[in-house]
Amino acid sequence: MKERRDAPIVLSVHAKDRLVQRGTTAEEVANTVREGDWQPAKRGKQHSAKQFEFGGISPVNGLPYRYKTVDVVFADEPERIFVVTVKVYYSN
């Protein structure tokens, strides 16, 4: 299927919970899908990752980091991009 980066992005309840828990925003998730490289993931899904400047304290472990990488797993459906989950990795 051809990548449709301009399709509406819809987040699952699980993805909404994880983005808050892991310290990212819906805007960063959308930016990652729209601007990151799409790669195949399990069960016919796609994923895209993008690094952002962070310069803050991780909500996961309370330690300071310069960067965070947002990794989005999603389904490229006919009418939308459906975000299944969101992972966030912190680094210096």
C-alpha atoms as a PDB file:
ATOM      1  CA  MET A   1       0.000   0.000   0.000  1.00  0.00           C
ATOM      2  CA  LYS A   2       1.270   3.484  -0.824  1.00  0.00           C
ATOM      3  CA  GLU A   3       2.139   5.686   2.140  1.00  0.00           C
ATOM      4  CA  ARG A   4      -0.571   8.280   2.779  1.00  0.00           C
ATOM      5  CA  ARG A   5       1.025  10.673   5.213  1.00  0.00           C
ATOM      6  CA  ASP A   6      -1.785  13.212   4.854  1.00  0.00           C
ATOM      7  CA  ALA A   7      -4.549  10.828   6.044  1.00  0.00           C
ATOM      8  CA  PRO A   8      -6.252  11.637   9.374  1.00  0.00           C
ATOM      9  CA  ILE A   9      -4.396  10.207  12.380  1.00  0.00           C
ATOM     10  CA  VAL A  10      -6.565   8.474  14.984  1.00  0.00           C
ATOM     11  CA  LEU A  11      -5.113   7.268  18.292  1.00  0.00           C
ATOM     12  CA  SER A  12      -6.418   4.154  20.037  1.00  0.00           C
ATOM     13  CA  VAL A  13      -7.307   4.425  23.723  1.00  0.00           C
ATOM     14  CA  HIS A  14      -4.191   2.356  24.455  1.00  0.00           C
ATOM     15  CA  ALA A  15      -1.994   4.762  22.440  1.00  0.00           C
ATOM     16  CA  LYS A  16      -3.482   7.801  24.224  1.00  0.00           C
ATOM     17  CA  ASP A  17      -2.740   6.203  27.596  1.00  0.00           C
ATOM     18  CA  ARG A  18       0.821   5.300  26.588  1.00  0.00           C
ATOM     19  CA  LEU A  19       1.742   8.705  25.194  1.00  0.00           C
ATOM     20  CA  VAL A  20       0.848  10.339  28.511  1.00  0.00           C
ATOM     21  CA  GLN A  21       2.525   7.603  30.562  1.00  0.00           C
ATOM     22  CA  ARG A  22       5.697   7.650  28.472  1.00  0.00           C
ATOM     23  CA  GLY A  23       6.072  11.405  28.120  1.00  0.00           C
ATOM     24  CA  THR A  24       5.136  12.486  24.612  1.00  0.00           C
ATOM     25  CA  THR A  25       2.292  14.405  22.977  1.00  0.00           C
ATOM     26  CA  ALA A  26      -0.250  13.802  20.230  1.00  0.00           C
ATOM     27  CA  GLU A  27       1.569  16.469  18.190  1.00  0.00           C
ATOM     28  CA  GLU A  28       4.885  14.597  18.438  1.00  0.00           C
ATOM     29  CA  VAL A  29       3.125  11.360  17.485  1.00  0.00           C
ATOM     30  CA  ALA A  30       1.600  13.014  14.401  1.00  0.00           C
ATOM     31  CA  ASN A  31       4.948  14.592  13.509  1.00  0.00           C
ATOM     32  CA  THR A  32       6.647  11.189  13.786  1.00  0.00           C
ATOM     33  CA  VAL A  33       4.098   9.558  11.468  1.00  0.00           C
ATOM     34  CA  ARG A  34       4.131  12.410   8.948  1.00  0.00           C
ATOM     35  CA  GLU A  35       7.910  13.022   8.828  1.00  0.00           C
ATOM     36  CA  GLY A  36       9.585   9.775   9.964  1.00  0.00           C
ATOM     37  CA  ASP A  37      10.546   6.802   7.807  1.00  0.00           C
ATOM     38  CA  TRP A  38       7.844   4.136   7.667  1.00  0.00           C
ATOM     39  CA  GLN A  39       9.110   0.618   8.313  1.00  0.00           C
ATOM     40  CA  PRO A  40       7.255  -2.713   8.381  1.00  0.00           C
ATOM     41  CA  ALA A  41       6.161  -3.930  11.817  1.00  0.00           C
ATOM     42  CA  LYS A  42       4.468  -7.112  13.039  1.00  0.00           C
ATOM     43  CA  ARG A  43       1.041  -8.232  11.835  1.00  0.00           C
ATOM     44  CA  GLY A  44       0.945  -5.962   8.774  1.00  0.00           C
ATOM     45  CA  LYS A  45       1.436  -2.759  10.761  1.00  0.00           C
ATOM     46  CA  GLN A  46       3.971   0.016  10.186  1.00  0.00           C
ATOM     47  CA  HIS A  47       6.172   1.904  12.591  1.00  0.00           C
ATOM     48  CA  SER A  48       7.973   5.199  12.404  1.00  0.00           C
ATOM     49  CA  ALA A  49      10.500   6.703  14.814  1.00  0.00           C
ATOM     50  CA  LYS A  50      11.788  10.236  15.204  1.00  0.00           C
ATOM     51  CA  GLN A  51      14.215  11.848  17.651  1.00  0.00           C
ATOM     52  CA  PHE A  52      13.267  15.093  19.407  1.00  0.00           C
ATOM     53  CA  GLU A  53      15.267  17.498  21.554  1.00  0.00           C
ATOM     54  CA  PHE A  54      14.109  16.915  25.115  1.00  0.00           C
ATOM     55  CA  GLY A  55      16.328  18.510  27.785  1.00  0.00           C
ATOM     56  CA  GLY A  56      14.186  17.384  30.691  1.00  0.00           C
ATOM     57  CA  ILE A  57      13.426  14.718  33.247  1.00  0.00           C
ATOM     58  CA  SER A  58      12.037  11.398  32.026  1.00  0.00           C
ATOM     59  CA  PRO A  59       8.605  10.590  33.482  1.00  0.00           C
ATOM     60  CA  VAL A  60       9.589   6.923  33.294  1.00  0.00           C
ATOM     61  CA  ASN A  61      12.631   6.880  35.583  1.00  0.00           C
ATOM     62  CA  GLY A  62      13.073  10.471  36.815  1.00  0.00           C
ATOM     63  CA  LEU A  63      16.510  10.936  35.206  1.00  0.00           C
ATOM     64  CA  PRO A  64      17.593  13.848  32.962  1.00  0.00           C
ATOM     65  CA  TYR A  65      17.985  13.309  29.199  1.00  0.00           C
ATOM     66  CA  ARG A  66      18.843  15.484  26.186  1.00  0.00           C
ATOM     67  CA  TYR A  67      16.792  13.569  23.629  1.00  0.00           C
ATOM     68  CA  LYS A  68      13.749  11.373  23.293  1.00  0.00           C
ATOM     69  CA  THR A  69      12.864   9.101  20.400  1.00  0.00           C
ATOM     70  CA  VAL A  70       9.177   8.618  19.744  1.00  0.00           C
ATOM     71  CA  ASP A  71       8.372   5.272  18.079  1.00  0.00           C
ATOM     72  CA  VAL A  72       4.808   4.923  16.743  1.00  0.00           C
ATOM     73  CA  VAL A  73       3.188   1.626  15.696  1.00  0.00           C
ATOM     74  CA  PHE A  74       0.201   2.122  13.407  1.00  0.00           C
ATOM     75  CA  ALA A  75      -2.065   0.646  10.763  1.00  0.00           C
ATOM     76  CA  ASP A  76      -2.266   2.428   7.410  1.00  0.00           C
ATOM     77  CA  GLU A  77      -5.991   1.948   6.807  1.00  0.00           C
ATOM     78  CA  PRO A  78      -7.977   3.114   3.754  1.00  0.00           C
ATOM     79  CA  GLU A  79      -9.528   6.157   5.473  1.00  0.00           C
ATOM     80  CA  ARG A  80      -7.090   6.851   8.308  1.00  0.00           C
ATOM     81  CA  ILE A  81      -3.816   6.113  10.043  1.00  0.00           C
ATOM     82  CA  PHE A  82      -4.748   4.240  13.217  1.00  0.00           C
ATOM     83  CA  VAL A  83      -2.107   4.467  15.972  1.00  0.00           C
ATOM     84  CA  VAL A  84      -1.925   1.233  17.958  1.00  0.00           C
ATOM     85  CA  THR A  85       0.782   2.120  20.491  1.00  0.00           C
ATOM     86  CA  VAL A  86       3.499   4.654  21.250  1.00  0.00           C
ATOM     87  CA  LYS A  87       6.938   3.928  22.689  1.00  0.00           C
ATOM     88  CA  VAL A  88       9.389   6.558  23.936  1.00  0.00           C
ATOM     89  CA  TYR A  89      13.128   6.042  24.417  1.00  0.00           C
ATOM     90  CA  TYR A  90      15.276   8.586  26.283  1.00  0.00           C
ATOM     91  CA  SER A  91      18.983   9.188  25.620  1.00  0.00           C
ATOM     92  CA  ASN A  92      21.847  11.629  26.083  1.00  0.00           C
END
